[in-house]
Amino acid sequence: MAIGDRDNNAKAVAASEGSKSDKRKQSLYFPEEMLEEIKEEAARLDRSLSWIVQRAWKIARVEIKRLPSVDDILEDEEQEQRA
């Protein structure tokens, strides 16, 4: 399930966005099992859920940027149909 999906089995987590002075909040929806894992890691590291999610993003963002965009996929499909 994608972040932002509103599913009865999903739970919300509020996370800060941006710098420490920027305290805007955003609701993120995680499957219950994933949220439990995040909570366990937060407790183990004595950190907030927000800190865990922010660190995970910083670690994963380079890999995520390598994923093809929807536009890239659509262009590939259009080229295949023309061939």
N, C-alpha and C. Protein backbone atom coordinates (compact mmCIF):
# COMPACT_ATOMS: atom_id res chain seq x y z
N MET A 1 0.84 -1.17 0.00
CA MET A 1 0.00 0.00 0.00
C MET A 1 0.89 1.23 0.00
N ALA A 2 0.56 2.22 -0.78
CA ALA A 2 1.36 3.43 -0.91
C ALA A 2 1.08 4.36 0.25
N ILE A 3 2.09 5.18 0.55
CA ILE A 3 1.89 6.21 1.55
C ILE A 3 0.79 7.13 1.04
N GLY A 4 -0.15 7.46 1.91
CA GLY A 4 -1.24 8.32 1.51
C GLY A 4 -2.53 7.55 1.26
N ASP A 5 -2.43 6.23 1.02
CA ASP A 5 -3.63 5.43 0.86
C ASP A 5 -4.39 5.44 2.17
N ARG A 6 -5.67 5.57 2.07
CA ARG A 6 -6.50 5.58 3.27
C ARG A 6 -7.20 4.22 3.36
N ASP A 7 -6.63 3.36 4.14
CA ASP A 7 -7.12 2.00 4.27
C ASP A 7 -7.50 1.80 5.73
N ASN A 8 -8.54 1.03 5.99
CA ASN A 8 -8.95 0.78 7.37
C ASN A 8 -7.85 0.13 8.18
N ASN A 9 -6.96 -0.61 7.53
CA ASN A 9 -5.88 -1.29 8.24
C ASN A 9 -4.65 -0.41 8.41
N ALA A 10 -4.67 0.79 7.86
CA ALA A 10 -3.49 1.67 7.94
C ALA A 10 -3.61 2.57 9.16
N LYS A 11 -2.48 2.98 9.67
CA LYS A 11 -2.42 3.90 10.81
C LYS A 11 -1.70 5.17 10.36
N ALA A 12 -2.02 6.28 11.00
CA ALA A 12 -1.41 7.56 10.62
C ALA A 12 -0.24 7.87 11.53
N VAL A 13 0.76 8.50 10.94
CA VAL A 13 1.92 8.99 11.68
C VAL A 13 2.17 10.42 11.23
N ALA A 14 2.30 11.34 12.14
CA ALA A 14 2.61 12.72 11.77
C ALA A 14 4.12 12.88 11.78
N ALA A 15 4.67 13.48 10.73
CA ALA A 15 6.11 13.67 10.64
C ALA A 15 6.40 15.11 10.24
N SER A 16 7.44 15.68 10.80
CA SER A 16 7.86 17.02 10.42
C SER A 16 8.47 16.99 9.05
N GLU A 17 8.34 18.09 8.33
CA GLU A 17 8.92 18.22 7.01
C GLU A 17 9.94 19.34 7.07
N GLY A 18 11.08 19.17 6.39
CA GLY A 18 12.05 20.24 6.27
C GLY A 18 12.94 20.41 7.48
N SER A 19 13.41 21.63 7.69
CA SER A 19 14.36 21.92 8.75
C SER A 19 13.69 21.92 10.12
N LYS A 20 14.52 22.03 11.16
CA LYS A 20 13.97 22.02 12.52
C LYS A 20 13.03 23.20 12.76
N SER A 21 13.27 24.33 12.11
CA SER A 21 12.41 25.49 12.30
C SER A 21 11.09 25.35 11.54
N ASP A 22 11.04 24.46 10.59
CA ASP A 22 9.84 24.24 9.79
C ASP A 22 9.07 23.08 10.39
N LYS A 23 8.02 23.38 11.13
CA LYS A 23 7.30 22.35 11.89
C LYS A 23 5.96 21.97 11.25
N ARG A 24 5.84 22.09 9.92
CA ARG A 24 4.61 21.66 9.27
C ARG A 24 4.43 20.17 9.50
N LYS A 25 3.20 19.74 9.62
CA LYS A 25 2.93 18.33 9.84
C LYS A 25 2.23 17.74 8.63
N GLN A 26 2.51 16.47 8.39
CA GLN A 26 1.90 15.74 7.28
C GLN A 26 1.50 14.38 7.81
N SER A 27 0.32 13.94 7.51
CA SER A 27 -0.11 12.59 7.91
C SER A 27 0.37 11.59 6.87
N LEU A 28 1.01 10.56 7.35
CA LEU A 28 1.46 9.47 6.49
C LEU A 28 0.76 8.21 6.96
N TYR A 29 0.33 7.40 6.02
CA TYR A 29 -0.41 6.19 6.36
C TYR A 29 0.45 4.97 6.04
N PHE A 30 0.64 4.12 7.05
CA PHE A 30 1.45 2.92 6.92
C PHE A 30 0.60 1.70 7.24
N PRO A 31 0.91 0.58 6.59
CA PRO A 31 0.26 -0.67 7.01
C PRO A 31 0.61 -0.93 8.48
N GLU A 32 -0.30 -1.55 9.18
CA GLU A 32 -0.13 -1.74 10.62
C GLU A 32 1.18 -2.44 10.97
N GLU A 33 1.55 -3.48 10.21
CA GLU A 33 2.80 -4.21 10.50
C GLU A 33 4.02 -3.31 10.35
N MET A 34 4.02 -2.49 9.31
CA MET A 34 5.14 -1.58 9.08
C MET A 34 5.23 -0.55 10.21
N LEU A 35 4.09 -0.02 10.61
CA LEU A 35 4.07 0.95 11.70
C LEU A 35 4.61 0.33 12.98
N GLU A 36 4.24 -0.91 13.25
CA GLU A 36 4.76 -1.59 14.45
C GLU A 36 6.28 -1.71 14.39
N GLU A 37 6.83 -2.05 13.22
CA GLU A 37 8.28 -2.14 13.06
C GLU A 37 8.94 -0.79 13.31
N ILE A 38 8.33 0.26 12.78
CA ILE A 38 8.87 1.61 12.97
C ILE A 38 8.85 1.97 14.45
N LYS A 39 7.75 1.65 15.12
CA LYS A 39 7.65 1.92 16.56
C LYS A 39 8.71 1.16 17.34
N GLU A 40 8.94 -0.10 16.99
CA GLU A 40 9.95 -0.91 17.68
C GLU A 40 11.34 -0.32 17.49
N GLU A 41 11.65 0.10 16.28
CA GLU A 41 12.96 0.71 16.02
C GLU A 41 13.09 2.05 16.75
N ALA A 42 12.02 2.82 16.79
CA ALA A 42 12.04 4.09 17.51
C ALA A 42 12.32 3.85 19.00
N ALA A 43 11.68 2.84 19.56
CA ALA A 43 11.91 2.52 20.98
C ALA A 43 13.35 2.03 21.19
N ARG A 44 13.81 1.17 20.29
CA ARG A 44 15.17 0.62 20.41
C ARG A 44 16.22 1.73 20.36
N LEU A 45 16.00 2.69 19.47
CA LEU A 45 16.96 3.79 19.29
C LEU A 45 16.67 4.99 20.18
N ASP A 46 15.58 4.91 20.95
CA ASP A 46 15.14 6.01 21.81
C ASP A 46 14.97 7.29 20.99
N ARG A 47 14.26 7.16 19.87
CA ARG A 47 14.00 8.27 18.95
C ARG A 47 12.51 8.35 18.65
N SER A 48 12.08 9.46 18.10
CA SER A 48 10.67 9.62 17.73
C SER A 48 10.37 8.89 16.42
N LEU A 49 9.08 8.64 16.19
CA LEU A 49 8.66 8.05 14.92
C LEU A 49 9.06 8.97 13.77
N SER A 50 8.89 10.26 13.97
CA SER A 50 9.25 11.23 12.95
C SER A 50 10.73 11.13 12.59
N TRP A 51 11.58 11.01 13.59
CA TRP A 51 13.03 10.90 13.35
C TRP A 51 13.34 9.65 12.53
N ILE A 52 12.72 8.54 12.87
CA ILE A 52 12.95 7.28 12.15
C ILE A 52 12.56 7.44 10.68
N VAL A 53 11.38 7.99 10.42
CA VAL A 53 10.90 8.15 9.04
C VAL A 53 11.80 9.12 8.27
N GLN A 54 12.22 10.21 8.90
CA GLN A 54 13.10 11.16 8.23
C GLN A 54 14.46 10.52 7.90
N ARG A 55 15.02 9.75 8.81
CA ARG A 55 16.29 9.07 8.55
C ARG A 55 16.13 8.04 7.44
N ALA A 56 15.03 7.31 7.45
CA ALA A 56 14.78 6.31 6.41
C ALA A 56 14.71 6.98 5.04
N TRP A 57 14.06 8.13 4.97
CA TRP A 57 13.99 8.86 3.71
C TRP A 57 15.37 9.29 3.26
N LYS A 58 16.16 9.86 4.16
CA LYS A 58 17.50 10.31 3.80
C LYS A 58 18.36 9.16 3.28
N ILE A 59 18.21 8.00 3.86
CA ILE A 59 18.98 6.82 3.44
C ILE A 59 18.48 6.30 2.10
N ALA A 60 17.17 6.31 1.89
CA ALA A 60 16.57 5.66 0.71
C ALA A 60 16.39 6.58 -0.49
N ARG A 61 16.50 7.88 -0.33
CA ARG A 61 16.10 8.78 -1.41
C ARG A 61 16.91 8.62 -2.69
N VAL A 62 18.19 8.31 -2.60
CA VAL A 62 19.00 8.12 -3.81
C VAL A 62 18.47 6.92 -4.60
N GLU A 63 18.16 5.85 -3.90
CA GLU A 63 17.62 4.67 -4.56
C GLU A 63 16.23 4.95 -5.15
N ILE A 64 15.42 5.68 -4.43
CA ILE A 64 14.08 6.00 -4.91
C ILE A 64 14.14 6.87 -6.17
N LYS A 65 15.11 7.79 -6.22
CA LYS A 65 15.25 8.65 -7.40
C LYS A 65 15.64 7.85 -8.64
N ARG A 66 16.19 6.67 -8.47
CA ARG A 66 16.55 5.81 -9.60
C ARG A 66 15.33 5.12 -10.22
N LEU A 67 14.21 5.08 -9.51
CA LEU A 67 13.01 4.42 -10.02
C LEU A 67 12.46 5.21 -11.20
N PRO A 68 11.95 4.52 -12.22
CA PRO A 68 11.39 5.24 -13.37
C PRO A 68 10.11 5.98 -12.97
N SER A 69 9.91 7.14 -13.57
CA SER A 69 8.68 7.89 -13.31
C SER A 69 7.55 7.28 -14.13
N VAL A 70 6.34 7.65 -13.82
CA VAL A 70 5.18 7.18 -14.57
C VAL A 70 5.32 7.59 -16.03
N ASP A 71 5.80 8.81 -16.26
CA ASP A 71 5.99 9.29 -17.63
C ASP A 71 6.97 8.41 -18.40
N ASP A 72 8.05 7.98 -17.74
CA ASP A 72 9.03 7.10 -18.39
C ASP A 72 8.38 5.78 -18.80
N ILE A 73 7.56 5.24 -17.95
CA ILE A 73 6.89 3.96 -18.22
C ILE A 73 5.91 4.13 -19.38
N LEU A 74 5.14 5.23 -19.37
CA LEU A 74 4.18 5.47 -20.45
C LEU A 74 4.89 5.67 -21.79
N GLU A 75 6.02 6.37 -21.79
CA GLU A 75 6.79 6.57 -23.03
C GLU A 75 7.28 5.23 -23.57
N ASP A 76 7.77 4.35 -22.67
CA ASP A 76 8.24 3.03 -23.10
C ASP A 76 7.10 2.23 -23.73
N GLU A 77 5.91 2.28 -23.12
CA GLU A 77 4.76 1.55 -23.64
C GLU A 77 4.35 2.09 -25.01
N GLU A 78 4.38 3.42 -25.17
CA GLU A 78 4.02 4.03 -26.45
C GLU A 78 5.01 3.61 -27.54
N GLN A 79 6.30 3.57 -27.21
CA GLN A 79 7.32 3.17 -28.17
C GLN A 79 7.14 1.70 -28.57
N GLU A 80 6.78 0.86 -27.61
CA GLU A 80 6.55 -0.57 -27.91
C GLU A 80 5.36 -0.74 -28.83
N GLN A 81 4.31 0.06 -28.64
CA GLN A 81 3.11 -0.05 -29.47
C GLN A 81 3.39 0.41 -30.90
N ARG A 82 4.28 1.36 -31.07
CA ARG A 82 4.63 1.86 -32.41
C ARG A 82 5.48 0.87 -33.19
N ALA A 83 6.23 0.05 -32.47
CA ALA A 83 7.16 -0.88 -33.14
C ALA A 83 6.44 -2.06 -33.77
